[in-house]
Amino acid sequence: MLGNFIVPLRDHPQMNFAGYPNWPPIWVTGGGSGNYSGNYKKRLGEIGILIGSILHDVAPGRLFLRMEIDYERYTGCLAFSDAVFCRQLHEFLQGHTGKSIKEIGGLDFSHTL
């Protein structure tokens, strides 16, 4: 918390890429979900439960989120121009697996300002 200000993750000024908000990511599933039918599915919104986050090895400004909803697993990608912020978010999310994406979006992330 910065003074008396709470900055929810979803509203953080760095939660964007090229000027476009990136929270929540677009969720996709497909062949890796265990129920491959030849088509990828896409879901939108603050839905599901966070099951993990993965930093991209080659592109340090990319963070992949894994979530589960209705017994299906989805992946979303958050892109950032600031690799340090991306790593801070990854570390923050490690302590919030098992929580809903909506709940995580509302958590205070002002300590990174």
PDB file of N, CA and C in Angstrom:
ATOM      1  N   MET A   1       0.846  -1.167   0.000  1.00  0.00           N
ATOM      2  CA  MET A   1       0.000   0.000   0.000  1.00  0.00           C
ATOM      3  C   MET A   1       0.893   1.232   0.000  1.00  0.00           C
ATOM      4  N   LEU A   2       0.611   2.171  -0.852  1.00  0.00           N
ATOM      5  CA  LEU A   2       1.366   3.404  -0.987  1.00  0.00           C
ATOM      6  C   LEU A   2       0.568   4.500  -0.306  1.00  0.00           C
ATOM      7  N   GLY A   3       1.004   4.935   0.885  1.00  0.00           N
ATOM      8  CA  GLY A   3       0.198   5.886   1.649  1.00  0.00           C
ATOM      9  C   GLY A   3      -1.125   5.219   1.983  1.00  0.00           C
ATOM     10  N   ASN A   4      -2.210   5.848   1.596  1.00  0.00           N
ATOM     11  CA  ASN A   4      -3.533   5.279   1.800  1.00  0.00           C
ATOM     12  C   ASN A   4      -4.103   4.695   0.524  1.00  0.00           C
ATOM     13  N   PHE A   5      -3.260   4.524  -0.483  1.00  0.00           N
ATOM     14  CA  PHE A   5      -3.743   4.061  -1.777  1.00  0.00           C
ATOM     15  C   PHE A   5      -3.491   2.566  -1.962  1.00  0.00           C
ATOM     16  N   ILE A   6      -4.527   1.892  -2.367  1.00  0.00           N
ATOM     17  CA  ILE A   6      -4.409   0.490  -2.749  1.00  0.00           C
ATOM     18  C   ILE A   6      -4.500   0.454  -4.270  1.00  0.00           C
ATOM     19  N   VAL A   7      -3.576  -0.253  -4.878  1.00  0.00           N
ATOM     20  CA  VAL A   7      -3.592  -0.380  -6.333  1.00  0.00           C
ATOM     21  C   VAL A   7      -3.846  -1.850  -6.664  1.00  0.00           C
ATOM     22  N   PRO A   8      -5.085  -2.172  -7.040  1.00  0.00           N
ATOM     23  CA  PRO A   8      -5.355  -3.564  -7.421  1.00  0.00           C
ATOM     24  C   PRO A   8      -4.500  -3.956  -8.628  1.00  0.00           C
ATOM     25  N   LEU A   9      -4.057  -5.182  -8.641  1.00  0.00           N
ATOM     26  CA  LEU A   9      -3.231  -5.680  -9.741  1.00  0.00           C
ATOM     27  C   LEU A   9      -3.845  -5.327 -11.088  1.00  0.00           C
ATOM     28  N   ARG A  10      -5.136  -5.547 -11.258  1.00  0.00           N
ATOM     29  CA  ARG A  10      -5.779  -5.310 -12.556  1.00  0.00           C
ATOM     30  C   ARG A  10      -5.684  -3.852 -13.006  1.00  0.00           C
ATOM     31  N   ASP A  11      -5.512  -2.919 -12.049  1.00  0.00           N
ATOM     32  CA  ASP A  11      -5.458  -1.492 -12.365  1.00  0.00           C
ATOM     33  C   ASP A  11      -4.052  -0.902 -12.305  1.00  0.00           C
ATOM     34  N   HIS A  12      -3.064  -1.729 -12.049  1.00  0.00           N
ATOM     35  CA  HIS A  12      -1.692  -1.245 -11.925  1.00  0.00           C
ATOM     36  C   HIS A  12      -1.260  -0.616 -13.256  1.00  0.00           C
ATOM     37  N   PRO A  13      -0.586   0.535 -13.196  1.00  0.00           N
ATOM     38  CA  PRO A  13      -0.201   1.209 -14.448  1.00  0.00           C
ATOM     39  C   PRO A  13       0.748   0.402 -15.339  1.00  0.00           C
ATOM     40  N   GLN A  14       1.434  -0.590 -14.795  1.00  0.00           N
ATOM     41  CA  GLN A  14       2.326  -1.403 -15.629  1.00  0.00           C
ATOM     42  C   GLN A  14       1.661  -2.682 -16.152  1.00  0.00           C
ATOM     43  N   MET A  15       0.383  -2.872 -15.838  1.00  0.00           N
ATOM     44  CA  MET A  15      -0.327  -4.053 -16.353  1.00  0.00           C
ATOM     45  C   MET A  15      -0.834  -3.753 -17.755  1.00  0.00           C
ATOM     46  N   ASN A  16       0.139  -3.548 -18.669  1.00  0.00           N
ATOM     47  CA  ASN A  16      -0.191  -3.284 -20.065  1.00  0.00           C
ATOM     48  C   ASN A  16       1.006  -3.628 -20.922  1.00  0.00           C
ATOM     49  N   PHE A  17       0.739  -3.710 -22.213  1.00  0.00           N
ATOM     50  CA  PHE A  17       1.813  -3.902 -23.185  1.00  0.00           C
ATOM     51  C   PHE A  17       1.484  -3.025 -24.379  1.00  0.00           C
ATOM     52  N   ALA A  18       2.418  -2.179 -24.756  1.00  0.00           N
ATOM     53  CA  ALA A  18       2.248  -1.248 -25.881  1.00  0.00           C
ATOM     54  C   ALA A  18       1.012  -0.370 -25.686  1.00  0.00           C
ATOM     55  N   GLY A  19       0.729  -0.041 -24.424  1.00  0.00           N
ATOM     56  CA  GLY A  19      -0.379   0.846 -24.132  1.00  0.00           C
ATOM     57  C   GLY A  19      -1.737   0.181 -24.000  1.00  0.00           C
ATOM     58  N   TYR A  20      -1.790  -1.136 -24.171  1.00  0.00           N
ATOM     59  CA  TYR A  20      -3.057  -1.865 -24.064  1.00  0.00           C
ATOM     60  C   TYR A  20      -3.073  -2.695 -22.785  1.00  0.00           C
ATOM     61  N   PRO A  21      -4.165  -2.618 -22.024  1.00  0.00           N
ATOM     62  CA  PRO A  21      -4.249  -3.432 -20.801  1.00  0.00           C
ATOM     63  C   PRO A  21      -4.085  -4.918 -21.132  1.00  0.00           C
ATOM     64  N   ASN A  22      -3.381  -5.638 -20.255  1.00  0.00           N
ATOM     65  CA  ASN A  22      -3.164  -7.064 -20.516  1.00  0.00           C
ATOM     66  C   ASN A  22      -3.786  -7.972 -19.452  1.00  0.00           C
ATOM     67  N   TRP A  23      -4.548  -7.396 -18.543  1.00  0.00           N
ATOM     68  CA  TRP A  23      -5.215  -8.207 -17.518  1.00  0.00           C
ATOM     69  C   TRP A  23      -6.706  -8.185 -17.744  1.00  0.00           C
ATOM     70  N   PRO A  24      -7.361  -9.287 -17.675  1.00  0.00           N
ATOM     71  CA  PRO A  24      -6.813 -10.640 -17.632  1.00  0.00           C
ATOM     72  C   PRO A  24      -6.339 -11.056 -19.017  1.00  0.00           C
ATOM     73  N   PRO A  25      -5.464 -12.048 -19.085  1.00  0.00           N
ATOM     74  CA  PRO A  25      -5.034 -12.501 -20.407  1.00  0.00           C
ATOM     75  C   PRO A  25      -6.165 -13.220 -21.137  1.00  0.00           C
ATOM     76  N   ILE A  26      -5.975 -13.439 -22.414  1.00  0.00           N
ATOM     77  CA  ILE A  26      -6.886 -14.297 -23.174  1.00  0.00           C
ATOM     78  C   ILE A  26      -6.465 -15.726 -22.870  1.00  0.00           C
ATOM     79  N   TRP A  27      -7.407 -16.537 -22.459  1.00  0.00           N
ATOM     80  CA  TRP A  27      -7.129 -17.923 -22.055  1.00  0.00           C
ATOM     81  C   TRP A  27      -7.364 -18.855 -23.231  1.00  0.00           C
ATOM     82  N   VAL A  28      -6.406 -19.743 -23.501  1.00  0.00           N
ATOM     83  CA  VAL A  28      -6.566 -20.721 -24.574  1.00  0.00           C
ATOM     84  C   VAL A  28      -6.209 -22.111 -24.066  1.00  0.00           C
ATOM     85  N   THR A  29      -6.843 -23.096 -24.654  1.00  0.00           N
ATOM     86  CA  THR A  29      -6.549 -24.494 -24.359  1.00  0.00           C
ATOM     87  C   THR A  29      -6.552 -25.246 -25.675  1.00  0.00           C
ATOM     88  N   GLY A  30      -6.060 -26.437 -25.632  1.00  0.00           N
ATOM     89  CA  GLY A  30      -6.023 -27.232 -26.858  1.00  0.00           C
ATOM     90  C   GLY A  30      -5.412 -28.576 -26.610  1.00  0.00           C
ATOM     91  N   GLY A  31      -4.472 -28.959 -27.479  1.00  0.00           N
ATOM     92  CA  GLY A  31      -3.880 -30.280 -27.443  1.00  0.00           C
ATOM     93  C   GLY A  31      -3.277 -30.674 -26.120  1.00  0.00           C
ATOM     94  N   GLY A  32      -2.747 -29.719 -25.364  1.00  0.00           N
ATOM     95  CA  GLY A  32      -2.110 -30.060 -24.105  1.00  0.00           C
ATOM     96  C   GLY A  32      -3.069 -30.224 -22.949  1.00  0.00           C
ATOM     97  N   SER A  33      -4.345 -30.041 -23.164  1.00  0.00           N
ATOM     98  CA  SER A  33      -5.282 -30.057 -22.035  1.00  0.00           C
ATOM     99  C   SER A  33      -5.739 -31.462 -21.670  1.00  0.00           C
ATOM    100  N   GLY A  34      -5.363 -32.456 -22.433  1.00  0.00           N
ATOM    101  CA  GLY A  34      -5.754 -33.822 -22.103  1.00  0.00           C
ATOM    102  C   GLY A  34      -7.049 -34.245 -22.767  1.00  0.00           C
ATOM    103  N   ASN A  35      -7.751 -33.323 -23.375  1.00  0.00           N
ATOM    104  CA  ASN A  35      -8.992 -33.677 -24.054  1.00  0.00           C
ATOM    105  C   ASN A  35      -8.986 -33.102 -25.464  1.00  0.00           C
ATOM    106  N   TYR A  36      -7.895 -33.284 -26.151  1.00  0.00           N
ATOM    107  CA  TYR A  36      -7.688 -32.701 -27.469  1.00  0.00           C
ATOM    108  C   TYR A  36      -8.743 -33.167 -28.458  1.00  0.00           C
ATOM    109  N   SER A  37      -9.412 -32.204 -29.047  1.00  0.00           N
ATOM    110  CA  SER A  37     -10.417 -32.520 -30.051  1.00  0.00           C
ATOM    111  C   SER A  37     -10.053 -31.915 -31.391  1.00  0.00           C
ATOM    112  N   GLY A  38      -8.839 -31.400 -31.511  1.00  0.00           N
ATOM    113  CA  GLY A  38      -8.407 -30.798 -32.759  1.00  0.00           C
ATOM    114  C   GLY A  38      -8.654 -29.303 -32.813  1.00  0.00           C
ATOM    115  N   ASN A  39      -9.371 -28.767 -31.863  1.00  0.00           N
ATOM    116  CA  ASN A  39      -9.670 -27.341 -31.831  1.00  0.00           C
ATOM    117  C   ASN A  39      -9.193 -26.724 -30.532  1.00  0.00           C
ATOM    118  N   TYR A  40      -8.749 -25.489 -30.647  1.00  0.00           N
ATOM    119  CA  TYR A  40      -8.403 -24.745 -29.453  1.00  0.00           C
ATOM    120  C   TYR A  40      -9.645 -24.024 -28.963  1.00  0.00           C
ATOM    121  N   LYS A  41      -9.762 -23.890 -27.661  1.00  0.00           N
ATOM    122  CA  LYS A  41     -10.859 -23.130 -27.060  1.00  0.00           C
ATOM    123  C   LYS A  41     -10.283 -21.844 -26.509  1.00  0.00           C
ATOM    124  N   LYS A  42     -11.084 -20.798 -26.540  1.00  0.00           N
ATOM    125  CA  LYS A  42     -10.678 -19.504 -26.014  1.00  0.00           C
ATOM    126  C   LYS A  42     -11.708 -19.058 -24.991  1.00  0.00           C
ATOM    127  N   ARG A  43     -11.228 -18.534 -23.875  1.00  0.00           N
ATOM    128  CA  ARG A  43     -12.110 -17.985 -22.827  1.00  0.00           C
ATOM    129  C   ARG A  43     -11.597 -16.596 -22.481  1.00  0.00           C
ATOM    130  N   LEU A  44     -12.513 -15.733 -22.079  1.00  0.00           N
ATOM    131  CA  LEU A  44     -12.164 -14.357 -21.732  1.00  0.00           C
ATOM    132  C   LEU A  44     -12.613 -14.048 -20.317  1.00  0.00           C
ATOM    133  N   GLY A  45     -11.892 -13.162 -19.662  1.00  0.00           N
ATOM    134  CA  GLY A  45     -12.326 -12.651 -18.375  1.00  0.00           C
ATOM    135  C   GLY A  45     -11.530 -13.157 -17.186  1.00  0.00           C
ATOM    136  N   GLU A  46     -11.884 -12.641 -16.034  1.00  0.00           N
ATOM    137  CA  GLU A  46     -11.267 -13.044 -14.765  1.00  0.00           C
ATOM    138  C   GLU A  46     -11.988 -14.287 -14.274  1.00  0.00           C
ATOM    139  N   ILE A  47     -11.649 -15.400 -14.885  1.00  0.00           N
ATOM    140  CA  ILE A  47     -12.322 -16.665 -14.607  1.00  0.00           C
ATOM    141  C   ILE A  47     -11.306 -17.708 -14.176  1.00  0.00           C
ATOM    142  N   GLY A  48     -11.774 -18.744 -13.522  1.00  0.00           N
ATOM    143  CA  GLY A  48     -10.929 -19.872 -13.174  1.00  0.00           C
ATOM    144  C   GLY A  48     -10.065 -19.648 -11.950  1.00  0.00           C
ATOM    145  N   ILE A  49      -9.259 -20.670 -11.681  1.00  0.00           N
ATOM    146  CA  ILE A  49      -8.363 -20.719 -10.529  1.00  0.00           C
ATOM    147  C   ILE A  49      -6.923 -20.787 -11.030  1.00  0.00           C
ATOM    148  N   LEU A  50      -6.052 -19.930 -10.487  1.00  0.00           N
ATOM    149  CA  LEU A  50      -4.639 -19.939 -10.873  1.00  0.00           C
ATOM    150  C   LEU A  50      -3.981 -21.228 -10.402  1.00  0.00           C
ATOM    151  N   ILE A  51      -3.337 -21.929 -11.320  1.00  0.00           N
ATOM    152  CA  ILE A  51      -2.613 -23.140 -10.932  1.00  0.00           C
ATOM    153  C   ILE A  51      -1.103 -22.987 -11.121  1.00  0.00           C
ATOM    154  N   GLY A  52      -0.665 -21.856 -11.691  1.00  0.00           N
ATOM    155  CA  GLY A  52       0.770 -21.626 -11.808  1.00  0.00           C
ATOM    156  C   GLY A  52       1.103 -20.478 -12.740  1.00  0.00           C
ATOM    157  N   SER A  53       2.362 -20.039 -12.646  1.00  0.00           N
ATOM    158  CA  SER A  53       2.879 -19.028 -13.572  1.00  0.00           C
ATOM    159  C   SER A  53       4.281 -19.450 -13.984  1.00  0.00           C
ATOM    160  N   ILE A  54       4.613 -19.154 -15.227  1.00  0.00           N
ATOM    161  CA  ILE A  54       5.898 -19.575 -15.793  1.00  0.00           C
ATOM    162  C   ILE A  54       6.529 -18.388 -16.497  1.00  0.00           C
ATOM    163  N   LEU A  55       7.753 -18.045 -16.108  1.00  0.00           N
ATOM    164  CA  LEU A  55       8.502 -17.003 -16.812  1.00  0.00           C
ATOM    165  C   LEU A  55       9.059 -17.579 -18.101  1.00  0.00           C
ATOM    166  N   HIS A  56       9.007 -16.814 -19.162  1.00  0.00           N
ATOM    167  CA  HIS A  56       9.560 -17.252 -20.438  1.00  0.00           C
ATOM    168  C   HIS A  56      11.079 -17.120 -20.375  1.00  0.00           C
ATOM    169  N   ASP A  57      11.814 -18.187 -20.696  1.00  0.00           N
ATOM    170  CA  ASP A  57      13.281 -18.182 -20.598  1.00  0.00           C
ATOM    171  C   ASP A  57      13.938 -17.228 -21.583  1.00  0.00           C
ATOM    172  N   VAL A  58      13.457 -17.214 -22.805  1.00  0.00           N
ATOM    173  CA  VAL A  58      14.098 -16.433 -23.857  1.00  0.00           C
ATOM    174  C   VAL A  58      13.614 -14.984 -23.869  1.00  0.00           C
ATOM    175  N   ALA A  59      12.346 -14.771 -23.563  1.00  0.00           N
ATOM    176  CA  ALA A  59      11.767 -13.423 -23.553  1.00  0.00           C
ATOM    177  C   ALA A  59      11.360 -13.082 -22.116  1.00  0.00           C
ATOM    178  N   PRO A  60      12.244 -12.415 -21.361  1.00  0.00           N
ATOM    179  CA  PRO A  60      11.980 -12.168 -19.942  1.00  0.00           C
ATOM    180  C   PRO A  60      10.791 -11.255 -19.659  1.00  0.00           C
ATOM    181  N   GLY A  61      10.201 -10.668 -20.672  1.00  0.00           N
ATOM    182  CA  GLY A  61       9.026  -9.832 -20.487  1.00  0.00           C
ATOM    183  C   GLY A  61       7.735 -10.576 -20.747  1.00  0.00           C
ATOM    184  N   ARG A  62       7.791 -11.910 -20.775  1.00  0.00           N
ATOM    185  CA  ARG A  62       6.600 -12.732 -21.016  1.00  0.00           C
ATOM    186  C   ARG A  62       6.355 -13.625 -19.806  1.00  0.00           C
ATOM    187  N   LEU A  63       5.108 -13.620 -19.358  1.00  0.00           N
ATOM    188  CA  LEU A  63       4.719 -14.442 -18.219  1.00  0.00           C
ATOM    189  C   LEU A  63       3.495 -15.251 -18.623  1.00  0.00           C
ATOM    190  N   PHE A  64       3.602 -16.556 -18.504  1.00  0.00           N
ATOM    191  CA  PHE A  64       2.489 -17.436 -18.842  1.00  0.00           C
ATOM    192  C   PHE A  64       1.765 -17.833 -17.570  1.00  0.00           C
ATOM    193  N   LEU A  65       0.468 -17.657 -17.569  1.00  0.00           N
ATOM    194  CA  LEU A  65      -0.364 -18.053 -16.438  1.00  0.00           C
ATOM    195  C   LEU A  65      -1.135 -19.303 -16.811  1.00  0.00           C
ATOM    196  N   ARG A  66      -1.251 -20.205 -15.860  1.00  0.00           N
ATOM    197  CA  ARG A  66      -2.040 -21.425 -16.047  1.00  0.00           C
ATOM    198  C   ARG A  66      -3.225 -21.356 -15.106  1.00  0.00           C
ATOM    199  N   MET A  67      -4.406 -21.633 -15.647  1.00  0.00           N
ATOM    200  CA  MET A  67      -5.595 -21.650 -14.801  1.00  0.00           C
ATOM    201  C   MET A  67      -6.459 -22.831 -15.179  1.00  0.00           C
ATOM    202  N   GLU A  68      -7.344 -23.163 -14.262  1.00  0.00           N
ATOM    203  CA  GLU A  68      -8.258 -24.280 -14.477  1.00  0.00           C
ATOM    204  C   GLU A  68      -9.680 -23.816 -14.217  1.00  0.00           C
ATOM    205  N   ILE A  69     -10.580 -24.253 -15.109  1.00  0.00           N
ATOM    206  CA  ILE A  69     -11.999 -23.973 -14.952  1.00  0.00           C
ATOM    207  C   ILE A  69     -12.767 -25.133 -15.579  1.00  0.00           C
ATOM    208  N   ASP A  70     -13.778 -25.599 -14.893  1.00  0.00           N
ATOM    209  CA  ASP A  70     -14.599 -26.715 -15.395  1.00  0.00           C
ATOM    210  C   ASP A  70     -13.745 -27.916 -15.803  1.00  0.00           C
ATOM    211  N   TYR A  71     -12.735 -28.227 -14.999  1.00  0.00           N
ATOM    212  CA  TYR A  71     -11.842 -29.375 -15.209  1.00  0.00           C
ATOM    213  C   TYR A  71     -11.005 -29.265 -16.482  1.00  0.00           C
ATOM    214  N   GLU A  72     -10.888 -28.082 -17.044  1.00  0.00           N
ATOM    215  CA  GLU A  72     -10.019 -27.861 -18.201  1.00  0.00           C
ATOM    216  C   GLU A  72      -8.948 -26.851 -17.825  1.00  0.00           C
ATOM    217  N   ARG A  73      -7.773 -27.069 -18.378  1.00  0.00           N
ATOM    218  CA  ARG A  73      -6.653 -26.168 -18.110  1.00  0.00           C
ATOM    219  C   ARG A  73      -6.461 -25.227 -19.290  1.00  0.00           C
ATOM    220  N   TYR A  74      -6.186 -23.982 -18.947  1.00  0.00           N
ATOM    221  CA  TYR A  74      -5.989 -22.931 -19.936  1.00  0.00           C
ATOM    222  C   TYR A  74      -4.677 -22.212 -19.648  1.00  0.00           C
ATOM    223  N   THR A  75      -4.113 -21.609 -20.679  1.00  0.00           N
ATOM    224  CA  THR A  75      -2.907 -20.813 -20.555  1.00  0.00           C
ATOM    225  C   THR A  75      -3.188 -19.424 -21.093  1.00  0.00           C
ATOM    226  N   GLY A  76      -2.662 -18.430 -20.410  1.00  0.00           N
ATOM    227  CA  GLY A  76      -2.732 -17.047 -20.871  1.00  0.00           C
ATOM    228  C   GLY A  76      -1.342 -16.444 -20.816  1.00  0.00           C
ATOM    229  N   CYS A  77      -1.062 -15.511 -21.717  1.00  0.00           N
ATOM    230  CA  CYS A  77       0.252 -14.873 -21.755  1.00  0.00           C
ATOM    231  C   CYS A  77       0.114 -13.392 -21.462  1.00  0.00           C
ATOM    232  N   LEU A  78       0.913 -12.915 -20.512  1.00  0.00           N
ATOM    233  CA  LEU A  78       1.013 -11.492 -20.219  1.00  0.00           C
ATOM    234  C   LEU A  78       2.351 -11.009 -20.755  1.00  0.00           C
ATOM    235  N   ALA A  79       2.333  -9.969 -21.581  1.00  0.00           N
ATOM    236  CA  ALA A  79       3.559  -9.394 -22.132  1.00  0.00           C
ATOM    237  C   ALA A  79       3.809  -8.042 -21.475  1.00  0.00           C
ATOM    238  N   PHE A  80       5.072  -7.777 -21.184  1.00  0.00           N
ATOM    239  CA  PHE A  80       5.463  -6.522 -20.545  1.00  0.00           C
ATOM    240  C   PHE A  80       6.706  -5.974 -21.217  1.00  0.00           C
ATOM    241  N   SER A  81       6.852  -4.636 -21.204  1.00  0.00           N
ATOM    242  CA  SER A  81       8.099  -4.045 -21.684  1.00  0.00           C
ATOM    243  C   SER A  81       9.155  -4.025 -20.587  1.00  0.00           C
ATOM    244  N   ASP A  82       8.733  -4.188 -19.335  1.00  0.00           N
ATOM    245  CA  ASP A  82       9.621  -4.135 -18.181  1.00  0.00           C
ATOM    246  C   ASP A  82       9.798  -5.548 -17.606  1.00  0.00           C
ATOM    247  N   ALA A  83      10.972  -6.136 -17.875  1.00  0.00           N
ATOM    248  CA  ALA A  83      11.241  -7.502 -17.419  1.00  0.00           C
ATOM    249  C   ALA A  83      11.309  -7.594 -15.890  1.00  0.00           C
ATOM    250  N   VAL A  84      11.744  -6.538 -15.223  1.00  0.00           N
ATOM    251  CA  VAL A  84      11.813  -6.547 -13.756  1.00  0.00           C
ATOM    252  C   VAL A  84      10.400  -6.628 -13.181  1.00  0.00           C
ATOM    253  N   PHE A  85       9.488  -5.837 -13.713  1.00  0.00           N
ATOM    254  CA  PHE A  85       8.101  -5.889 -13.261  1.00  0.00           C
ATOM    255  C   PHE A  85       7.507  -7.279 -13.517  1.00  0.00           C
ATOM    256  N   CYS A  86       7.822  -7.849 -14.665  1.00  0.00           N
ATOM    257  CA  CYS A  86       7.333  -9.185 -15.011  1.00  0.00           C
ATOM    258  C   CYS A  86       7.796 -10.209 -13.966  1.00  0.00           C
ATOM    259  N   ARG A  87       9.047 -10.144 -13.579  1.00  0.00           N
ATOM    260  CA  ARG A  87       9.590 -11.062 -12.568  1.00  0.00           C
ATOM    261  C   ARG A  87       8.932 -10.819 -11.207  1.00  0.00           C
ATOM    262  N   GLN A  88       8.715  -9.552 -10.855  1.00  0.00           N
ATOM    263  CA  GLN A  88       8.040  -9.239  -9.588  1.00  0.00           C
ATOM    264  C   GLN A  88       6.637  -9.842  -9.569  1.00  0.00           C
ATOM    265  N   LEU A  89       5.942  -9.744 -10.684  1.00  0.00           N
ATOM    266  CA  LEU A  89       4.598 -10.306 -10.764  1.00  0.00           C
ATOM    267  C   LEU A  89       4.647 -11.824 -10.645  1.00  0.00           C
ATOM    268  N   HIS A  90       5.594 -12.446 -11.321  1.00  0.00           N
ATOM    269  CA  HIS A  90       5.755 -13.904 -11.245  1.00  0.00           C
ATOM    270  C   HIS A  90       5.971 -14.335  -9.792  1.00  0.00           C
ATOM    271  N   GLU A  91       6.870 -13.651  -9.096  1.00  0.00           N
ATOM    272  CA  GLU A  91       7.150 -13.994  -7.698  1.00  0.00           C
ATOM    273  C   GLU A  91       5.919 -13.776  -6.822  1.00  0.00           C
ATOM    274  N   PHE A  92       5.181 -12.710  -7.067  1.00  0.00           N
ATOM    275  CA  PHE A  92       3.960 -12.422  -6.324  1.00  0.00           C
ATOM    276  C   PHE A  92       2.937 -13.536  -6.534  1.00  0.00           C
ATOM    277  N   LEU A  93       2.780 -13.957  -7.771  1.00  0.00           N
ATOM    278  CA  LEU A  93       1.771 -14.969  -8.092  1.00  0.00           C
ATOM    279  C   LEU A  93       2.100 -16.331  -7.489  1.00  0.00           C
ATOM    280  N   GLN A  94       3.374 -16.599  -7.215  1.00  0.00           N
ATOM    281  CA  GLN A  94       3.758 -17.872  -6.609  1.00  0.00           C
ATOM    282  C   GLN A  94       3.048 -18.088  -5.274  1.00  0.00           C
ATOM    283  N   GLY A  95       2.762 -17.009  -4.587  1.00  0.00           N
ATOM    284  CA  GLY A  95       2.087 -17.110  -3.298  1.00  0.00           C
ATOM    285  C   GLY A  95       0.567 -17.097  -3.396  1.00  0.00           C
ATOM    286  N   HIS A  96       0.045 -17.117  -4.615  1.00  0.00           N
ATOM    287  CA  HIS A  96      -1.405 -17.009  -4.783  1.00  0.00           C
ATOM    288  C   HIS A  96      -2.008 -18.101  -5.663  1.00  0.00           C
ATOM    289  N   THR A  97      -1.259 -19.181  -5.882  1.00  0.00           N
ATOM    290  CA  THR A  97      -1.852 -20.295  -6.622  1.00  0.00           C
ATOM    291  C   THR A  97      -3.002 -20.857  -5.794  1.00  0.00           C
ATOM    292  N   GLY A  98      -4.006 -21.331  -6.477  1.00  0.00           N
ATOM    293  CA  GLY A  98      -5.186 -21.856  -5.806  1.00  0.00           C
ATOM    294  C   GLY A  98      -6.266 -20.805  -5.583  1.00  0.00           C
ATOM    295  N   LYS A  99      -5.948 -19.549  -5.858  1.00  0.00           N
ATOM    296  CA  LYS A  99      -6.933 -18.476  -5.719  1.00  0.00           C
ATOM    297  C   LYS A  99      -7.580 -18.201  -7.073  1.00  0.00           C
ATOM    298  N   SER A 100      -8.751 -17.586  -7.029  1.00  0.00           N
ATOM    299  CA  SER A 100      -9.431 -17.259  -8.284  1.00  0.00           C
ATOM    300  C   SER A 100      -8.706 -16.111  -8.986  1.00  0.00           C
ATOM    301  N   ILE A 101      -8.773 -16.118 -10.307  1.00  0.00           N
ATOM    302  CA  ILE A 101      -8.165 -15.053 -11.102  1.00  0.00           C
ATOM    303  C   ILE A 101      -8.799 -13.712 -10.730  1.00  0.00           C
ATOM    304  N   LYS A 102     -10.090 -13.708 -10.483  1.00  0.00           N
ATOM    305  CA  LYS A 102     -10.776 -12.476 -10.092  1.00  0.00           C
ATOM    306  C   LYS A 102     -10.236 -11.949  -8.767  1.00  0.00           C
ATOM    307  N   GLU A 103     -10.053 -12.836  -7.800  1.00  0.00           N
ATOM    308  CA  GLU A 103      -9.505 -12.426  -6.503  1.00  0.00           C
ATOM    309  C   GLU A 103      -8.100 -11.863  -6.678  1.00  0.00           C
ATOM    310  N   ILE A 104      -7.281 -12.519  -7.477  1.00  0.00           N
ATOM    311  CA  ILE A 104      -5.903 -12.080  -7.705  1.00  0.00           C
ATOM    312  C   ILE A 104      -5.890 -10.698  -8.357  1.00  0.00           C
ATOM    313  N   GLY A 105      -6.785 -10.473  -9.309  1.00  0.00           N
ATOM    314  CA  GLY A 105      -6.867  -9.168  -9.962  1.00  0.00           C
ATOM    315  C   GLY A 105      -7.159  -8.039  -9.003  1.00  0.00           C
ATOM    316  N   GLY A 106      -7.801  -8.344  -7.889  1.00  0.00           N
ATOM    317  CA  GLY A 106      -8.139  -7.332  -6.898  1.00  0.00           C
ATOM    318  C   GLY A 106      -7.118  -7.166  -5.786  1.00  0.00           C
ATOM    319  N   LEU A 107      -6.073  -7.985  -5.782  1.00  0.00           N
ATOM    320  CA  LEU A 107      -5.055  -7.890  -4.720  1.00  0.00           C
ATOM    321  C   LEU A 107      -4.218  -6.628  -4.876  1.00  0.00           C
ATOM    322  N   ASP A 108      -3.801  -6.064  -3.758  1.00  0.00           N
ATOM    323  CA  ASP A 108      -2.997  -4.848  -3.747  1.00  0.00           C
ATOM    324  C   ASP A 108      -1.604  -5.133  -4.311  1.00  0.00           C
ATOM    325  N   PHE A 109      -1.229  -4.362  -5.331  1.00  0.00           N
ATOM    326  CA  PHE A 109       0.088  -4.518  -5.950  1.00  0.00           C
ATOM    327  C   PHE A 109       0.835  -3.178  -5.950  1.00  0.00           C
ATOM    328  N   SER A 110       0.481  -2.309  -5.007  1.00  0.00           N
ATOM    329  CA  SER A 110       1.062  -0.961  -4.962  1.00  0.00           C
ATOM    330  C   SER A 110       2.545  -0.967  -4.547  1.00  0.00           C
ATOM    331  N   HIS A 111       3.022  -2.041  -3.949  1.00  0.00           N
ATOM    332  CA  HIS A 111       4.418  -2.081  -3.507  1.00  0.00           C
ATOM    333  C   HIS A 111       5.406  -1.998  -4.672  1.00  0.00           C
ATOM    334  N   THR A 112       4.939  -2.166  -5.890  1.00  0.00           N
ATOM    335  CA  THR A 112       5.830  -2.104  -7.056  1.00  0.00           C
ATOM    336  C   THR A 112       5.861  -0.723  -7.695  1.00  0.00           C
ATOM    337  N   LEU A 113       5.136   0.219  -7.133  1.00  0.00           N
ATOM    338  CA  LEU A 113       5.124   1.580  -7.710  1.00  0.00           C
ATOM    339  C   LEU A 113       6.357   2.357  -7.309  1.00  0.00           C
TER     340      LEU A 113
END
